[in-house]
Structure formats: C-alpha cells, structure tokens
Amino acid sequence: MEFTRKKIIMIGGLSIGIFALIVVILIWVIPQPSPPAHLKIWGLYDEASAYATIISDFTKQNKNVVIQYEQKDPATYEEDLIRAYAEDKAPDIWMMQNTWLPKYKNIIVALPKSLNSTLPFSTFKSTFVDAVESDFSENEKIYGLPLYMDSLAMFYNKDYFNSAGISASPETWDDLIADIPLLVKKDQWGNIQRAGAAIGTADNINRCTDILWLLMMQNGAIMMNEAKTVATFNESARKQDGTSFYPGRDALEFYTSFANPSKKVYTWNNELRYSIDAFIEGKTAILFNYSHQIATIKARAPYLNFGIAPIPQIKDRTYDVNYANYWGFVVSKKSKYSEPAWNFLIFLTQNSSAKKYLQTTQKPTARRDLVDWQRNDLELGVFAKQALSAKSWYQIDNAKIETIFSDAINSVILGSAAINKAMDTAASQVNLLMKGQ
C-alpha cells in the first residue's frame, strides 16, 4: 500500500508540472492585455461635469484608458504645477495659458510622430484660428490644443448709453473719445463720480497690460523681432506716407491719457474702484474684458442692463486686430502614456466634442468651423468673430512681463518717467529676461 501511494504522488507531481508548463507556454504565446493607461488631467475654471460626457465617449471607444479630471485653484495653479513636477507627481495632461510655451516647453511633449497622420500640421493650422498656431506650435511641432478662444471685448452699460443719447457702441477709438465726455460724471470740484470707461491706470484695471498690448499691436507695434530674441515694441515704424512714428510709445500715451486730469478724455484714476467692481456697481459705463466675466457680472448684478460689443479699432485700418487670452491642454513629459494622452486631446478638441464643451461652459470657440455656429449668439457672438483676428505675442515669462508693463504705466501716471523713457525701460527689462532664459 505504501509503494502504491508514492507512485500516485509521483504521477500527480508529474501532472502538475506538465500543467504548469502548458500555462507558461500559453501565457508566452497568447498576447496578454496591457494594463490600463491612467490619465490624470488638471484643469481650471471648469467643473468635472464639463468633460464628463466627452470622457465617457472616449473611454467607451478606448476601453484600456481611465481618465480622472481634477479642477485646480487658479490662485495656486502654477505653484502647484511646479511642485508636482518636482515631486514626480505631475498630471499627464494639464491646462497651459497661451503665452506659457516659451516658459514650459521643456517639460511638455509635442504631438508624437506616430500620430502625425491623425493630426497633420496642415490640418491643425486649418482647424484652429490663427493665434493657436503661433501660441501652441513651433517649427511645425504641435505642443497643445485649445477648446476655446477668448479675446478682449467691450462691456457697456446700456442705460448710461441711452441716457447720454448714444445710439451705438463706439466702433473706433475716435468714437470712444467722442463718447467719453457724454458718459463721465463729475462733481462740482471735478472729482469723478462715474467713469466713462475703465482705462488708463494699472493697479485698479483688470488685465490692464492686455489692453495696452492690444493698443500697441493695433497701432502697428512689432512686439519682438522675427527670431524672438529681442523686444522691438519701443522701436520706430513707418507710415504709408513715409514718415516715421513710434507705435508703442503712442499707444502708451493714448492709454494713460484717460487717467491724465489735463486731458479732455480724463475719466479714470487710481482712487476709483477696481474696474470689474466699478462696472458691476454702476460706477463706470464701459469695461474692457473677456467673455468669462459675463457669468461674474450676471451673478453679482443680475439686473444690470449691459451689452457686449467688439473692442474698438483704429480708424481707417483695413483689418481688425484683437487680443487673445485663453488656455489649451498639453501633455507632460513625465507622463508614461503620452500617446493615449494625445489621442484624448485630439478627440477632446474635435468638432463634436468641442461643441459639447462650448455648450456646457458657454465659451467662444477656437475652431474655425464653429465660428458661424456661435456668430449670432447674443453674448458669445462678438468673441467668436473676434477669434479670427485675435493674436498675442511671444513672452518668455508672462508674469514678469506683466509687471514690467504695469510699472511702465505707473511711471507715466505718477510722472516719474516720460513716455519714451518708460517704453525704452520696458524693452530693456524684457531683453534682460530674454538673455537670462
């Protein structure tokens, strides 16, 4: 009986060994499913619900991808991002402001060559409005894709315009100059009780530098040289009649004139409320800002009778110039799943997905083929049409450059520097930043 039991064990052992060998061979021969790609996305301003349907649509088609969206705090976003990279916890996909490419290009990955046929550069150029190419690509490499495009427009108080007998919003800056005296209200000592427009200073004007840069570019200032190595916004240019002028200086002088008590257009000063608060509280007739302020204004002043018009242009110009400020999605170099991440971005920004997002968030489109879809929208139509002519400029460090131009505005307002000196100083400081890049 003992001999028989040992023989059975040996046979059983042999059977187990053969079975294990067969399993190993099968594992080696039959392809095994790869682990799912877990994509972490950092976004701003939008809740997860803005992307829920799009993410669901994508993961149904790509069952080996799991996507998690996290809404971050704008106040600490850049700091959080830098810390996440340092701690090797960077998200796979994150939102990048349209002027950040020079600052962060070394930590993001361009569209992989394996996906060039999915999104050829020619298709990228023709799909999005012009600003996207200059902001999110370089040397025909695509570094990011946006879902929307925002640009400066004019918010105006309809009741004040009606009371002043102004039948239409100003189309040109000359029109605005003519309207200001009709809109501004002063007391017997000349103190401003109600501003005609929130423009002219730095510290109490939201996006003051954007307004100034818009004026500079509208006036013909070339912000950087072609190689993007030297600031040129302080240099002279030639008019059609052959005479020279300084478009950057002239724009700074025009901007600050609205805060100069000796000028006829004087309508603003540093003692007034912050521009957004002033408009909401009825203390200015005009605010220059972006579409995302629509929700803010409505929430804080639900009965305010306001309209939105295109930003004024320079009289007799043959084409419009608008200023772009928006965000796009990029893929981190730290991501283990760069190709699935880019696949998702392509899916996210395609026509049908972008349309769902724009309907949910009420933002203006960055896609050319959706401009006509939004063109007649009472609130977004202005921004959608302006996207076609919106542009920004190359900034090696947007936060530091904003400070440089705010200082230039303040130096003129406070009388510590002449217009030409303020603009030349700004150019020198920007060039120092460029050399230290």
Protein backbone atom coordinates (compact mmCIF):
# COMPACT_ATOMS: atom_id res chain seq x y z
CA MET A 1 0.00 0.00 0.00
CA GLU A 2 2.87 2.39 0.78
CA PHE A 3 4.51 1.78 -2.61
CA THR A 4 1.23 2.48 -4.40
CA ARG A 5 0.71 5.79 -2.57
CA LYS A 6 4.20 7.07 -3.51
CA LYS A 7 3.64 6.12 -7.13
CA ILE A 8 0.40 8.09 -7.20
CA ILE A 9 2.12 11.17 -5.71
CA MET A 10 4.88 10.98 -8.31
CA ILE A 11 2.35 10.72 -11.08
CA GLY A 12 0.38 13.61 -9.55
CA GLY A 13 3.55 15.70 -9.29
CA LEU A 14 4.36 14.97 -12.91
CA SER A 15 0.86 16.00 -13.94
CA ILE A 16 1.12 19.32 -12.04
CA GLY A 17 4.46 20.08 -13.64
CA ILE A 18 3.18 19.47 -17.13
CA PHE A 19 0.11 21.62 -16.44
CA ALA A 20 2.27 24.49 -15.20
CA LEU A 21 4.46 24.20 -18.27
CA ILE A 22 1.41 24.39 -20.53
CA VAL A 23 0.19 27.51 -18.69
CA VAL A 24 3.57 29.20 -19.11
CA ILE A 25 3.63 28.38 -22.81
CA LEU A 26 0.10 29.72 -23.27
CA ILE A 27 0.98 32.98 -21.48
CA TRP A 28 4.04 33.34 -23.68
CA VAL A 29 2.22 32.55 -26.93
CA ILE A 30 -1.11 34.33 -26.37
CA PRO A 31 -0.82 38.16 -26.15
CA GLN A 32 -1.83 39.43 -22.73
CA PRO A 33 -3.81 42.68 -22.31
CA SER A 34 -1.64 45.61 -21.23
CA PRO A 35 -2.52 47.41 -18.00
CA PRO A 36 -4.90 50.36 -18.47
CA ALA A 37 -3.47 53.83 -19.09
CA HIS A 38 -4.49 56.03 -16.18
CA LEU A 39 -4.59 59.66 -17.33
CA LYS A 40 -4.74 62.42 -14.75
CA ILE A 41 -5.94 65.80 -16.05
CA TRP A 42 -5.56 69.14 -14.32
CA GLY A 43 -7.99 71.85 -15.41
CA LEU A 44 -9.06 75.33 -14.36
CA TYR A 45 -12.40 77.12 -14.06
CA ASP A 46 -14.39 74.11 -15.35
CA GLU A 47 -16.00 71.52 -13.11
CA ALA A 48 -15.65 67.83 -13.97
CA SER A 49 -19.18 67.85 -15.40
CA ALA A 50 -17.94 69.93 -18.35
CA TYR A 51 -15.90 66.94 -19.52
CA ALA A 52 -17.93 64.01 -18.21
CA THR A 53 -19.78 63.17 -21.43
CA ILE A 54 -16.68 63.61 -23.60
CA ILE A 55 -14.56 61.42 -21.32
CA SER A 56 -17.29 58.77 -21.30
CA ASP A 57 -17.48 58.82 -25.10
CA PHE A 58 -13.71 58.43 -25.38
CA THR A 59 -13.32 55.62 -22.84
CA LYS A 60 -16.13 53.66 -24.49
CA GLN A 61 -14.03 53.63 -27.64
CA ASN A 62 -10.75 53.20 -25.74
CA LYS A 63 -11.54 50.68 -23.01
CA ASN A 64 -7.91 50.49 -21.92
CA VAL A 65 -7.85 54.13 -20.82
CA VAL A 66 -9.01 55.54 -17.49
CA ILE A 67 -9.31 59.33 -17.15
CA GLN A 68 -9.50 61.36 -13.96
CA TYR A 69 -10.16 65.12 -14.11
CA GLU A 70 -9.23 67.44 -11.26
CA GLN A 71 -10.18 71.12 -11.06
CA LYS A 72 -7.36 73.22 -9.62
CA ASP A 73 -7.32 76.58 -7.87
CA PRO A 74 -6.20 79.35 -10.27
CA ALA A 75 -4.60 81.27 -7.41
CA THR A 76 -2.06 78.50 -6.71
CA TYR A 77 -2.12 76.64 -10.03
CA GLU A 78 1.36 77.46 -11.31
CA GLU A 79 2.91 76.85 -7.90
CA ASP A 80 1.05 73.52 -7.60
CA LEU A 81 2.21 72.52 -11.06
CA ILE A 82 5.87 73.23 -10.37
CA ARG A 83 5.70 71.34 -7.07
CA ALA A 84 4.02 68.36 -8.74
CA TYR A 85 6.82 68.14 -11.30
CA ALA A 86 9.46 68.40 -8.58
CA GLU A 87 7.79 65.59 -6.59
CA ASP A 88 7.30 63.44 -9.70
CA LYS A 89 3.52 63.74 -9.34
CA ALA A 90 2.79 65.82 -12.43
CA PRO A 91 -0.53 65.24 -14.20
CA ASP A 92 -0.45 63.58 -17.60
CA ILE A 93 -2.45 66.42 -19.14
CA TRP A 94 -2.70 69.99 -17.87
CA MET A 95 -4.02 73.37 -18.94
CA MET A 96 -1.44 75.87 -20.17
CA GLN A 97 -2.06 79.58 -20.71
CA ASN A 98 -1.48 80.64 -24.30
CA THR A 99 1.70 82.63 -23.53
CA TRP A 100 3.37 79.89 -21.45
CA LEU A 101 5.01 77.83 -24.21
CA PRO A 102 8.38 79.64 -24.02
CA LYS A 103 8.44 79.10 -20.26
CA TYR A 104 7.36 75.45 -20.11
CA LYS A 105 8.20 73.89 -23.46
CA ASN A 106 10.96 71.78 -21.89
CA ILE A 107 8.54 69.96 -19.56
CA ILE A 108 5.83 69.06 -22.09
CA VAL A 109 5.87 66.69 -25.05
CA ALA A 110 4.86 67.58 -28.59
CA LEU A 111 2.44 65.51 -30.65
CA PRO A 112 4.20 62.12 -31.20
CA LYS A 113 5.30 61.28 -34.74
CA SER A 114 3.13 58.19 -34.53
CA LEU A 115 0.07 60.49 -34.53
CA ASN A 116 1.18 62.83 -37.32
CA SER A 117 -1.20 61.11 -39.71
CA THR A 118 -4.06 61.51 -37.23
CA LEU A 119 -3.44 65.25 -36.86
CA PRO A 120 -1.19 66.55 -39.66
CA PHE A 121 0.20 70.04 -39.08
CA SER A 122 -1.73 71.33 -42.11
CA THR A 123 -4.97 70.11 -40.51
CA PHE A 124 -4.00 71.72 -37.20
CA LYS A 125 -3.46 75.06 -38.98
CA SER A 126 -6.72 74.94 -40.90
CA THR A 127 -8.81 73.70 -37.96
CA PHE A 128 -7.97 76.38 -35.41
CA VAL A 129 -7.90 80.18 -35.63
CA ASP A 130 -4.53 81.78 -36.42
CA ALA A 131 -3.46 82.59 -32.86
CA VAL A 132 -3.41 78.89 -31.94
CA GLU A 133 -0.62 78.14 -34.40
CA SER A 134 1.66 80.84 -33.00
CA ASP A 135 0.79 80.07 -29.37
CA PHE A 136 0.81 76.27 -29.33
CA SER A 137 3.25 75.20 -32.06
CA GLU A 138 6.85 75.78 -33.04
CA ASN A 139 8.76 74.61 -36.11
CA GLU A 140 5.66 72.67 -37.19
CA LYS A 141 5.57 70.76 -33.91
CA ILE A 142 2.24 70.83 -32.10
CA TYR A 143 2.57 71.33 -28.33
CA GLY A 144 -1.03 71.88 -27.26
CA LEU A 145 -4.67 72.08 -28.32
CA PRO A 146 -7.32 74.54 -27.05
CA LEU A 147 -11.05 74.09 -26.64
CA TYR A 148 -11.89 77.79 -26.74
CA MET A 149 -10.50 81.21 -27.64
CA ASP A 150 -11.15 84.36 -25.61
CA SER A 151 -10.43 87.95 -26.63
CA LEU A 152 -10.89 91.42 -25.21
CA ALA A 153 -14.30 92.95 -25.90
CA MET A 154 -16.24 95.96 -24.66
CA PHE A 155 -18.88 95.61 -21.95
CA TYR A 156 -21.11 98.69 -21.78
CA ASN A 157 -23.96 99.90 -19.59
CA LYS A 158 -26.97 100.27 -21.91
CA ASP A 159 -28.85 102.57 -19.53
CA TYR A 160 -25.97 105.04 -19.40
CA PHE A 161 -25.60 104.97 -23.19
CA ASN A 162 -29.34 105.54 -23.62
CA SER A 163 -29.36 108.42 -21.14
CA ALA A 164 -26.41 110.04 -22.91
CA GLY A 165 -28.15 109.75 -26.27
CA ILE A 166 -25.52 107.39 -27.65
CA SER A 167 -27.33 105.12 -30.08
CA ALA A 168 -24.48 102.71 -30.86
CA SER A 169 -21.38 101.40 -29.14
CA PRO A 170 -18.13 103.01 -30.34
CA GLU A 171 -16.57 101.14 -33.25
CA THR A 172 -13.28 103.06 -33.20
CA TRP A 173 -11.15 104.66 -30.51
CA ASP A 174 -12.03 108.03 -32.03
CA ASP A 175 -15.68 107.19 -31.39
CA LEU A 176 -14.83 106.35 -27.79
CA ILE A 177 -13.04 109.68 -27.35
CA ALA A 178 -16.18 111.44 -28.56
CA ASP A 179 -18.42 109.41 -26.22
CA ILE A 180 -16.36 109.78 -23.03
CA PRO A 181 -17.49 113.38 -22.19
CA LEU A 182 -21.11 112.24 -22.57
CA LEU A 183 -20.67 109.29 -20.22
CA VAL A 184 -18.40 110.59 -17.44
CA LYS A 185 -19.98 112.27 -14.44
CA LYS A 186 -18.01 114.66 -12.19
CA ASP A 187 -18.90 116.66 -9.11
CA GLN A 188 -18.51 120.45 -8.82
CA TRP A 189 -14.85 120.05 -7.88
CA GLY A 190 -14.06 117.88 -10.87
CA ASN A 191 -13.93 114.60 -8.98
CA ILE A 192 -15.06 111.59 -11.00
CA GLN A 193 -18.33 110.17 -9.70
CA ARG A 194 -18.91 107.86 -12.64
CA ALA A 195 -16.23 106.94 -15.14
CA GLY A 196 -16.83 106.86 -18.86
CA ALA A 197 -14.53 103.86 -19.26
CA ALA A 198 -12.21 101.80 -17.06
CA ILE A 199 -8.90 102.53 -18.80
CA GLY A 200 -5.71 104.46 -18.07
CA THR A 201 -4.09 103.08 -14.92
CA ALA A 202 -2.50 99.79 -13.86
CA ASP A 203 -3.31 98.86 -10.28
CA ASN A 204 -7.11 99.08 -10.45
CA ILE A 205 -7.67 97.90 -14.02
CA ASN A 206 -8.19 94.17 -14.56
CA ARG A 207 -5.99 92.98 -17.47
CA CYS A 208 -4.53 96.48 -17.92
CA THR A 209 -1.49 95.09 -19.72
CA ASP A 210 -3.66 93.18 -22.19
CA ILE A 211 -5.47 96.42 -23.07
CA LEU A 212 -2.16 98.23 -23.56
CA TRP A 213 -0.71 95.42 -25.70
CA LEU A 214 -3.87 95.44 -27.80
CA LEU A 215 -3.43 99.17 -28.44
CA MET A 216 0.24 98.71 -29.27
CA MET A 217 -0.42 95.94 -31.79
CA GLN A 218 -3.41 97.75 -33.30
CA ASN A 219 -1.14 100.75 -33.78
CA GLY A 220 1.42 98.65 -35.65
CA ALA A 221 3.99 97.88 -32.96
CA ILE A 222 6.12 94.81 -33.68
CA MET A 223 6.48 93.30 -30.21
CA MET A 224 9.50 91.04 -30.89
CA ASN A 225 11.99 90.54 -33.70
CA GLU A 226 11.42 87.64 -36.06
CA ALA A 227 13.90 85.41 -34.23
CA LYS A 228 12.07 86.09 -30.95
CA THR A 229 15.26 87.14 -29.25
CA VAL A 230 14.87 90.92 -28.85
CA ALA A 231 11.97 93.18 -27.86
CA THR A 232 11.17 95.71 -30.59
CA PHE A 233 7.94 97.30 -29.32
CA ASN A 234 9.79 100.53 -28.48
CA GLU A 235 11.22 100.97 -31.98
CA SER A 236 10.02 103.28 -34.74
CA ALA A 237 7.91 102.31 -37.73
CA ARG A 238 6.95 103.97 -40.98
CA LYS A 239 3.54 105.22 -42.01
CA GLN A 240 2.22 104.82 -45.52
CA ASP A 241 3.29 108.39 -46.32
CA GLY A 242 6.88 107.54 -45.41
CA THR A 243 7.03 109.42 -42.11
CA SER A 244 8.24 107.60 -39.01
CA PHE A 245 6.45 107.22 -35.71
CA TYR A 246 6.70 105.16 -32.52
CA PRO A 247 3.60 102.93 -32.31
CA GLY A 248 4.45 101.53 -28.88
CA ARG A 249 5.06 104.92 -27.32
CA ASP A 250 1.96 106.40 -28.92
CA ALA A 251 -0.15 103.54 -27.57
CA LEU A 252 1.18 104.05 -24.03
CA GLU A 253 0.49 107.78 -24.29
CA PHE A 254 -3.05 107.11 -25.53
CA TYR A 255 -3.72 104.56 -22.79
CA THR A 256 -2.53 106.79 -19.94
CA SER A 257 -4.28 109.88 -21.33
CA PHE A 258 -7.55 108.57 -19.89
CA ALA A 259 -6.02 108.97 -16.42
CA ASN A 260 -4.50 112.39 -17.09
CA PRO A 261 -6.56 115.24 -15.50
CA SER A 262 -5.21 117.70 -18.08
CA LYS A 263 -6.70 115.74 -20.99
CA LYS A 264 -10.24 116.08 -22.37
CA VAL A 265 -10.64 112.29 -22.17
CA TYR A 266 -9.81 112.18 -18.44
CA THR A 267 -12.17 109.57 -17.00
CA TRP A 268 -10.22 107.34 -14.62
CA ASN A 269 -7.72 107.48 -11.75
CA ASN A 270 -6.15 105.33 -9.08
CA GLU A 271 -8.74 106.34 -6.49
CA LEU A 272 -11.60 104.63 -8.29
CA ARG A 273 -12.89 101.13 -7.60
CA TYR A 274 -11.31 98.09 -9.22
CA SER A 275 -12.55 98.03 -12.81
CA ILE A 276 -14.76 94.92 -12.58
CA ASP A 277 -16.30 96.10 -9.30
CA ALA A 278 -16.83 99.57 -10.75
CA PHE A 279 -18.75 98.20 -13.73
CA ILE A 280 -20.87 95.87 -11.61
CA GLU A 281 -21.66 98.70 -9.18
CA GLY A 282 -22.56 101.14 -11.97
CA LYS A 283 -19.51 103.34 -11.42
CA THR A 284 -18.19 103.06 -14.95
CA ALA A 285 -20.05 102.92 -18.24
CA ILE A 286 -17.51 100.75 -20.05
CA LEU A 287 -15.32 97.78 -19.11
CA PHE A 288 -12.81 96.09 -21.42
CA ASN A 289 -12.58 92.41 -20.59
CA TYR A 290 -13.10 88.76 -21.57
CA SER A 291 -16.13 86.51 -22.00
CA HIS A 292 -15.58 84.72 -18.69
CA GLN A 293 -16.63 87.92 -16.91
CA ILE A 294 -20.18 87.55 -18.26
CA ALA A 295 -21.04 84.99 -15.58
CA THR A 296 -19.40 87.09 -12.87
CA ILE A 297 -21.34 90.20 -13.83
CA LYS A 298 -24.64 88.34 -14.03
CA ALA A 299 -24.10 86.64 -10.69
CA ARG A 300 -23.24 89.85 -8.85
CA ALA A 301 -25.56 92.24 -10.70
CA PRO A 302 -28.48 90.22 -12.12
CA TYR A 303 -30.46 93.34 -13.06
CA LEU A 304 -27.60 95.25 -14.72
CA ASN A 305 -28.62 96.20 -18.26
CA PHE A 306 -25.39 95.69 -20.16
CA GLY A 307 -24.35 94.84 -23.67
CA ILE A 308 -21.22 93.40 -25.28
CA ALA A 309 -19.62 94.95 -28.35
CA PRO A 310 -16.42 94.38 -30.31
CA ILE A 311 -13.33 96.08 -28.95
CA PRO A 312 -12.79 99.45 -30.68
CA GLN A 313 -10.37 99.51 -33.59
CA ILE A 314 -8.16 102.23 -35.06
CA LYS A 315 -10.00 104.37 -37.59
CA ASP A 316 -9.44 103.60 -41.26
CA ARG A 317 -7.48 100.40 -40.61
CA THR A 318 -8.02 97.81 -43.37
CA TYR A 319 -8.13 94.91 -40.91
CA ASP A 320 -9.03 94.30 -37.26
CA VAL A 321 -6.57 93.41 -34.53
CA ASN A 322 -7.84 91.76 -31.34
CA TYR A 323 -6.05 90.43 -28.28
CA ALA A 324 -6.19 86.75 -27.29
CA ASN A 325 -6.02 85.32 -23.79
CA TYR A 326 -7.01 81.67 -23.38
CA TRP A 327 -5.89 78.20 -22.25
CA GLY A 328 -5.08 74.95 -24.03
CA PHE A 329 -4.24 71.40 -22.97
CA VAL A 330 -0.70 70.00 -23.08
CA VAL A 331 0.87 66.61 -22.28
CA SER A 332 3.54 66.28 -19.60
CA LYS A 333 6.96 64.81 -20.37
CA LYS A 334 6.57 62.95 -17.09
CA SER A 335 3.58 61.01 -18.44
CA LYS A 336 4.03 57.29 -19.08
CA TYR A 337 1.12 57.45 -21.50
CA SER A 338 1.90 60.33 -23.84
CA GLU A 339 0.36 58.69 -26.91
CA PRO A 340 -3.00 57.86 -25.24
CA ALA A 341 -2.94 61.35 -23.72
CA TRP A 342 -2.50 62.97 -27.13
CA ASN A 343 -5.16 60.69 -28.58
CA PHE A 344 -7.56 62.02 -25.98
CA LEU A 345 -6.65 65.66 -26.72
CA ILE A 346 -7.32 65.12 -30.41
CA PHE A 347 -10.68 63.55 -29.53
CA LEU A 348 -11.45 66.28 -26.98
CA THR A 349 -10.92 69.13 -29.44
CA GLN A 350 -12.63 67.62 -32.48
CA ASN A 351 -15.76 69.34 -33.75
CA SER A 352 -18.42 67.29 -31.96
CA SER A 353 -16.60 67.15 -28.60
CA ALA A 354 -15.66 70.83 -28.66
CA LYS A 355 -19.27 71.72 -29.40
CA LYS A 356 -20.47 69.78 -26.34
CA TYR A 357 -17.89 71.54 -24.18
CA LEU A 358 -18.73 75.00 -25.50
CA GLN A 359 -22.45 74.45 -24.99
CA THR A 360 -21.84 73.38 -21.39
CA THR A 361 -19.37 76.12 -20.46
CA GLN A 362 -20.66 78.96 -22.66
CA LYS A 363 -17.25 79.85 -24.04
CA PRO A 364 -16.28 81.12 -27.51
CA THR A 365 -14.80 78.66 -29.97
CA ALA A 366 -11.19 78.23 -31.05
CA ARG A 367 -12.23 76.15 -34.07
CA ARG A 368 -12.83 77.93 -37.35
CA ASP A 369 -15.69 75.64 -38.31
CA LEU A 370 -17.66 76.60 -35.18
CA VAL A 371 -17.41 80.38 -35.57
CA ASP A 372 -20.53 80.56 -37.72
CA TRP A 373 -22.33 78.31 -35.23
CA GLN A 374 -21.74 80.94 -32.50
CA ARG A 375 -21.74 84.05 -34.69
CA ASN A 376 -25.29 85.14 -33.85
CA ASP A 377 -25.16 84.31 -30.15
CA LEU A 378 -26.10 87.46 -28.23
CA GLU A 379 -23.28 87.05 -25.73
CA LEU A 380 -20.64 84.88 -27.39
CA GLY A 381 -21.02 86.05 -30.98
CA VAL A 382 -18.68 89.01 -30.55
CA PHE A 383 -15.94 86.82 -29.08
CA ALA A 384 -16.37 84.08 -31.68
CA LYS A 385 -15.96 86.54 -34.55
CA GLN A 386 -13.03 88.30 -32.88
CA ALA A 387 -11.20 84.97 -32.51
CA LEU A 388 -10.43 85.07 -36.23
CA SER A 389 -8.35 88.24 -35.83
CA ALA A 390 -7.07 87.74 -32.28
CA LYS A 391 -3.38 87.43 -31.52
CA SER A 392 -0.92 87.54 -28.64
CA TRP A 393 2.86 87.85 -28.59
CA TYR A 394 5.91 85.84 -27.54
CA GLN A 395 6.60 86.24 -23.81
CA ILE A 396 9.48 84.44 -22.13
CA ASP A 397 7.81 84.90 -18.72
CA ASN A 398 4.32 86.35 -18.83
CA ALA A 399 4.07 87.18 -15.11
CA LYS A 400 7.33 89.17 -15.08
CA ILE A 401 6.48 90.92 -18.33
CA GLU A 402 3.08 91.94 -16.98
CA THR A 403 4.86 93.52 -14.00
CA ILE A 404 7.28 95.35 -16.34
CA PHE A 405 4.42 96.93 -18.30
CA SER A 406 2.37 97.71 -15.20
CA ASP A 407 5.41 99.56 -13.87
CA ALA A 408 5.68 101.44 -17.16
CA ILE A 409 2.06 102.59 -16.88
CA ASN A 410 2.55 103.63 -13.26
CA SER A 411 5.75 105.53 -14.04
CA VAL A 412 3.87 107.64 -16.58
CA ILE A 413 0.82 108.16 -14.36
CA LEU A 414 2.97 109.20 -11.40
CA GLY A 415 5.15 111.42 -13.55
CA SER A 416 8.39 109.62 -12.74
CA ALA A 417 9.17 108.86 -16.39
CA ALA A 418 8.37 110.34 -19.77
CA ILE A 419 6.54 108.18 -22.31
CA ASN A 420 9.66 107.37 -24.36
CA LYS A 421 11.72 106.60 -21.27
CA ALA A 422 9.03 104.30 -19.84
CA MET A 423 8.76 102.34 -23.08
CA ASP A 424 12.53 102.07 -23.56
CA THR A 425 12.94 100.87 -19.97
CA ALA A 426 10.27 98.21 -20.51
CA ALA A 427 12.06 96.98 -23.64
CA SER A 428 15.41 96.83 -21.82
CA GLN A 429 13.89 94.82 -18.97
CA VAL A 430 12.22 92.38 -21.35
CA ASN A 431 15.53 91.93 -23.16
CA LEU A 432 17.26 91.14 -19.87
CA LEU A 433 14.68 88.41 -19.31
CA MET A 434 15.37 87.07 -22.80
CA LYS A 435 19.11 86.91 -22.17
CA GLY A 436 18.60 85.07 -18.91
CA GLN A 437 16.30 82.42 -20.38
